[in-house]
Amino acid sequence: MRRHELSDEEWKRIEPLLPAERGRKSRPAKLSNRTFMNAVFYLAKTGAPWRDLPERFGPWKTVHAKFSRWNARKVFDRILALFAQDADNESSMADSSYVRAHCSSPLRDRTVELRHRTVTGRWRRHSQIPKS
């Protein structure tokens, strides 16, 4: 397995979500689904443009055409929904180990005027908000 490519475990998880490989009767498809998915993940992870896709993934135009077809059929939405089920959301948590107050922060002064957004989208000072 090369860098940026799917492992066998990852492939087994997403393979049932993918459309069948197309091809003519006498000729198999130009690009297997696994090779195509490895190309898509390579592009996503490296940020390379389509034209800089390595030759081991096949012609970049073929990969791009298949990507466009699958994107229109919402295949990637199903794959992302599968990945989202396993998300632990640890990266979206913020605590004091991530967020630090600067020494010039307003917390040093206890007369902080907090601002809140109202339903209409306007900002109000904390002192203007009615207490309930």
C-alpha atoms as a PDB file:
ATOM      1  CA  MET A   1       0.000   0.000   0.000  1.00  0.00           C
ATOM      2  CA  ARG A   2       1.339   3.395  -0.945  1.00  0.00           C
ATOM      3  CA  ARG A   3       0.989   6.645   0.887  1.00  0.00           C
ATOM      4  CA  HIS A   4      -2.440   8.341   0.572  1.00  0.00           C
ATOM      5  CA  GLU A   5      -4.122   5.084  -0.511  1.00  0.00           C
ATOM      6  CA  LEU A   6      -6.943   3.150   1.107  1.00  0.00           C
ATOM      7  CA  SER A   7      -6.159   0.214   3.346  1.00  0.00           C
ATOM      8  CA  ASP A   8      -8.011  -3.078   2.889  1.00  0.00           C
ATOM      9  CA  GLU A   9     -10.186  -2.341   5.946  1.00  0.00           C
ATOM     10  CA  GLU A  10     -11.175   1.096   4.649  1.00  0.00           C
ATOM     11  CA  TRP A  11     -11.908  -0.321   1.209  1.00  0.00           C
ATOM     12  CA  LYS A  12     -14.198  -3.019   2.641  1.00  0.00           C
ATOM     13  CA  ARG A  13     -16.216  -0.344   4.431  1.00  0.00           C
ATOM     14  CA  ILE A  14     -16.855   1.879   1.419  1.00  0.00           C
ATOM     15  CA  GLU A  15     -17.010  -0.703  -1.379  1.00  0.00           C
ATOM     16  CA  PRO A  16     -20.744  -1.514  -0.866  1.00  0.00           C
ATOM     17  CA  LEU A  17     -21.607   2.196  -1.234  1.00  0.00           C
ATOM     18  CA  LEU A  18     -20.031   2.530  -4.671  1.00  0.00           C
ATOM     19  CA  PRO A  19     -21.741   1.948  -8.011  1.00  0.00           C
ATOM     20  CA  ALA A  20     -20.814  -1.169  -9.973  1.00  0.00           C
ATOM     21  CA  GLU A  21     -17.814  -0.896 -12.247  1.00  0.00           C
ATOM     22  CA  ARG A  22     -18.958  -0.171 -15.750  1.00  0.00           C
ATOM     23  CA  GLY A  23     -17.447  -1.473 -18.910  1.00  0.00           C
ATOM     24  CA  ARG A  24     -18.422  -3.031 -22.168  1.00  0.00           C
ATOM     25  CA  LYS A  25     -19.002  -6.750 -22.585  1.00  0.00           C
ATOM     26  CA  SER A  26     -15.688  -7.486 -24.212  1.00  0.00           C
ATOM     27  CA  ARG A  27     -13.647  -4.844 -22.395  1.00  0.00           C
ATOM     28  CA  PRO A  28     -13.430  -4.108 -18.656  1.00  0.00           C
ATOM     29  CA  ALA A  29     -13.690  -0.601 -17.254  1.00  0.00           C
ATOM     30  CA  LYS A  30     -10.651   1.632 -17.802  1.00  0.00           C
ATOM     31  CA  LEU A  31     -10.452   2.502 -14.148  1.00  0.00           C
ATOM     32  CA  SER A  32     -11.338   0.234 -11.235  1.00  0.00           C
ATOM     33  CA  ASN A  33     -13.304   1.744  -8.366  1.00  0.00           C
ATOM     34  CA  ARG A  34     -10.474   1.192  -5.901  1.00  0.00           C
ATOM     35  CA  THR A  35      -7.920   2.900  -8.141  1.00  0.00           C
ATOM     36  CA  PHE A  36     -10.354   5.749  -8.687  1.00  0.00           C
ATOM     37  CA  MET A  37     -10.985   6.197  -4.951  1.00  0.00           C
ATOM     38  CA  ASN A  38      -7.238   6.140  -4.304  1.00  0.00           C
ATOM     39  CA  ALA A  39      -6.859   8.896  -6.912  1.00  0.00           C
ATOM     40  CA  VAL A  40      -9.594  10.983  -5.277  1.00  0.00           C
ATOM     41  CA  PHE A  41      -8.034  10.598  -1.827  1.00  0.00           C
ATOM     42  CA  TYR A  42      -4.609  11.404  -3.262  1.00  0.00           C
ATOM     43  CA  LEU A  43      -5.938  14.649  -4.730  1.00  0.00           C
ATOM     44  CA  ALA A  44      -7.809  15.525  -1.537  1.00  0.00           C
ATOM     45  CA  LYS A  45      -4.844  14.892   0.736  1.00  0.00           C
ATOM     46  CA  THR A  46      -2.143  16.512  -1.375  1.00  0.00           C
ATOM     47  CA  GLY A  47      -4.131  19.364  -2.917  1.00  0.00           C
ATOM     48  CA  ALA A  48      -2.615  18.625  -6.302  1.00  0.00           C
ATOM     49  CA  PRO A  49      -4.453  19.802  -9.428  1.00  0.00           C
ATOM     50  CA  TRP A  50      -6.101  17.229 -11.696  1.00  0.00           C
ATOM     51  CA  ARG A  51      -3.364  17.469 -14.316  1.00  0.00           C
ATOM     52  CA  ASP A  52      -0.676  16.551 -11.770  1.00  0.00           C
ATOM     53  CA  LEU A  53      -2.281  13.214 -10.921  1.00  0.00           C
ATOM     54  CA  PRO A  54       0.373  10.440 -11.029  1.00  0.00           C
ATOM     55  CA  GLU A  55       0.193   8.063 -13.993  1.00  0.00           C
ATOM     56  CA  ARG A  56      -0.471   5.030 -11.776  1.00  0.00           C
ATOM     57  CA  PHE A  57      -4.053   6.309 -11.340  1.00  0.00           C
ATOM     58  CA  GLY A  58      -4.713   6.479 -15.066  1.00  0.00           C
ATOM     59  CA  PRO A  59      -5.445   9.461 -17.284  1.00  0.00           C
ATOM     60  CA  TRP A  60      -6.483  12.504 -15.293  1.00  0.00           C
ATOM     61  CA  LYS A  61      -9.371  13.229 -17.683  1.00  0.00           C
ATOM     62  CA  THR A  62     -10.822   9.766 -17.035  1.00  0.00           C
ATOM     63  CA  VAL A  63     -10.561  10.265 -13.280  1.00  0.00           C
ATOM     64  CA  HIS A  64     -12.134  13.716 -13.539  1.00  0.00           C
ATOM     65  CA  ALA A  65     -15.008  12.477 -15.713  1.00  0.00           C
ATOM     66  CA  LYS A  66     -15.785   9.648 -13.274  1.00  0.00           C
ATOM     67  CA  PHE A  67     -15.529  12.069 -10.346  1.00  0.00           C
ATOM     68  CA  SER A  68     -18.035  14.403 -12.011  1.00  0.00           C
ATOM     69  CA  ARG A  69     -20.477  11.545 -12.698  1.00  0.00           C
ATOM     70  CA  TRP A  70     -20.267  10.229  -9.141  1.00  0.00           C
ATOM     71  CA  ASN A  71     -20.572  13.696  -7.692  1.00  0.00           C
ATOM     72  CA  ALA A  72     -23.795  14.258  -9.642  1.00  0.00           C
ATOM     73  CA  ARG A  73     -25.122  10.913  -8.348  1.00  0.00           C
ATOM     74  CA  LYS A  74     -24.295  11.915  -4.724  1.00  0.00           C
ATOM     75  CA  VAL A  75     -22.004   8.902  -4.188  1.00  0.00           C
ATOM     76  CA  PHE A  76     -19.570  10.950  -2.123  1.00  0.00           C
ATOM     77  CA  ASP A  77     -22.386  12.163   0.151  1.00  0.00           C
ATOM     78  CA  ARG A  78     -23.069   8.545   1.129  1.00  0.00           C
ATOM     79  CA  ILE A  79     -19.374   7.922   1.796  1.00  0.00           C
ATOM     80  CA  LEU A  80     -19.041  11.054   3.929  1.00  0.00           C
ATOM     81  CA  ALA A  81     -22.181  10.104   5.876  1.00  0.00           C
ATOM     82  CA  LEU A  82     -20.541   6.742   6.645  1.00  0.00           C
ATOM     83  CA  PHE A  83     -17.376   8.455   7.855  1.00  0.00           C
ATOM     84  CA  ALA A  84     -19.381  10.954   9.929  1.00  0.00           C
ATOM     85  CA  GLN A  85     -20.956   8.126  11.935  1.00  0.00           C
ATOM     86  CA  ASP A  86     -17.551   7.243  13.382  1.00  0.00           C
ATOM     87  CA  ALA A  87     -16.494  10.812  14.115  1.00  0.00           C
ATOM     88  CA  ASP A  88     -15.572  11.372  17.751  1.00  0.00           C
ATOM     89  CA  ASN A  89     -15.773  15.191  17.408  1.00  0.00           C
ATOM     90  CA  GLU A  90     -12.708  15.526  19.602  1.00  0.00           C
ATOM     91  CA  SER A  91     -11.222  18.097  17.253  1.00  0.00           C
ATOM     92  CA  SER A  92     -14.248  20.384  17.664  1.00  0.00           C
ATOM     93  CA  MET A  93     -13.929  20.580  21.452  1.00  0.00           C
ATOM     94  CA  ALA A  94     -12.272  23.585  23.049  1.00  0.00           C
ATOM     95  CA  ASP A  95     -10.967  23.738  26.580  1.00  0.00           C
ATOM     96  CA  SER A  96      -8.293  25.654  28.437  1.00  0.00           C
ATOM     97  CA  SER A  97      -5.520  23.587  26.896  1.00  0.00           C
ATOM     98  CA  TYR A  98      -6.480  24.950  23.460  1.00  0.00           C
ATOM     99  CA  VAL A  99      -7.769  28.424  24.274  1.00  0.00           C
ATOM    100  CA  ARG A 100      -5.733  30.823  26.348  1.00  0.00           C
ATOM    101  CA  ALA A 101      -6.677  34.332  27.393  1.00  0.00           C
ATOM    102  CA  HIS A 102      -4.145  36.980  26.528  1.00  0.00           C
ATOM    103  CA  CYS A 103      -2.899  39.189  29.361  1.00  0.00           C
ATOM    104  CA  SER A 104      -4.671  42.151  27.790  1.00  0.00           C
ATOM    105  CA  SER A 105      -7.961  40.306  27.531  1.00  0.00           C
ATOM    106  CA  PRO A 106     -11.098  41.918  28.937  1.00  0.00           C
ATOM    107  CA  LEU A 107     -11.237  39.298  31.708  1.00  0.00           C
ATOM    108  CA  ARG A 108      -8.792  41.316  33.783  1.00  0.00           C
ATOM    109  CA  ASP A 109     -11.437  44.020  34.132  1.00  0.00           C
ATOM    110  CA  ARG A 110     -14.697  42.883  35.737  1.00  0.00           C
ATOM    111  CA  THR A 111     -16.741  45.588  33.978  1.00  0.00           C
ATOM    112  CA  VAL A 112     -16.877  43.665  30.741  1.00  0.00           C
ATOM    113  CA  GLU A 113     -19.652  44.622  28.384  1.00  0.00           C
ATOM    114  CA  LEU A 114     -20.581  41.411  26.623  1.00  0.00           C
ATOM    115  CA  ARG A 115     -22.378  41.662  23.332  1.00  0.00           C
ATOM    116  CA  HIS A 116     -25.168  39.377  22.179  1.00  0.00           C
ATOM    117  CA  ARG A 117     -26.814  39.028  18.831  1.00  0.00           C
ATOM    118  CA  THR A 118     -30.563  39.508  18.900  1.00  0.00           C
ATOM    119  CA  VAL A 119     -33.106  37.657  16.819  1.00  0.00           C
ATOM    120  CA  THR A 120     -33.060  40.440  14.233  1.00  0.00           C
ATOM    121  CA  GLY A 121     -29.285  40.083  13.879  1.00  0.00           C
ATOM    122  CA  ARG A 122     -28.449  43.346  15.660  1.00  0.00           C
ATOM    123  CA  TRP A 123     -25.836  43.431  18.388  1.00  0.00           C
ATOM    124  CA  ARG A 124     -26.742  44.648  21.868  1.00  0.00           C
ATOM    125  CA  ARG A 125     -24.639  45.294  24.896  1.00  0.00           C
ATOM    126  CA  HIS A 126     -25.089  43.027  27.873  1.00  0.00           C
ATOM    127  CA  SER A 127     -26.549  45.860  29.915  1.00  0.00           C
ATOM    128  CA  GLN A 128     -29.315  46.403  27.321  1.00  0.00           C
ATOM    129  CA  ILE A 129     -30.554  42.800  27.381  1.00  0.00           C
ATOM    130  CA  PRO A 130     -33.620  42.396  29.609  1.00  0.00           C
ATOM    131  CA  LYS A 131     -33.087  39.976  32.480  1.00  0.00           C
ATOM    132  CA  SER A 132     -35.566  37.166  32.769  1.00  0.00           C
END
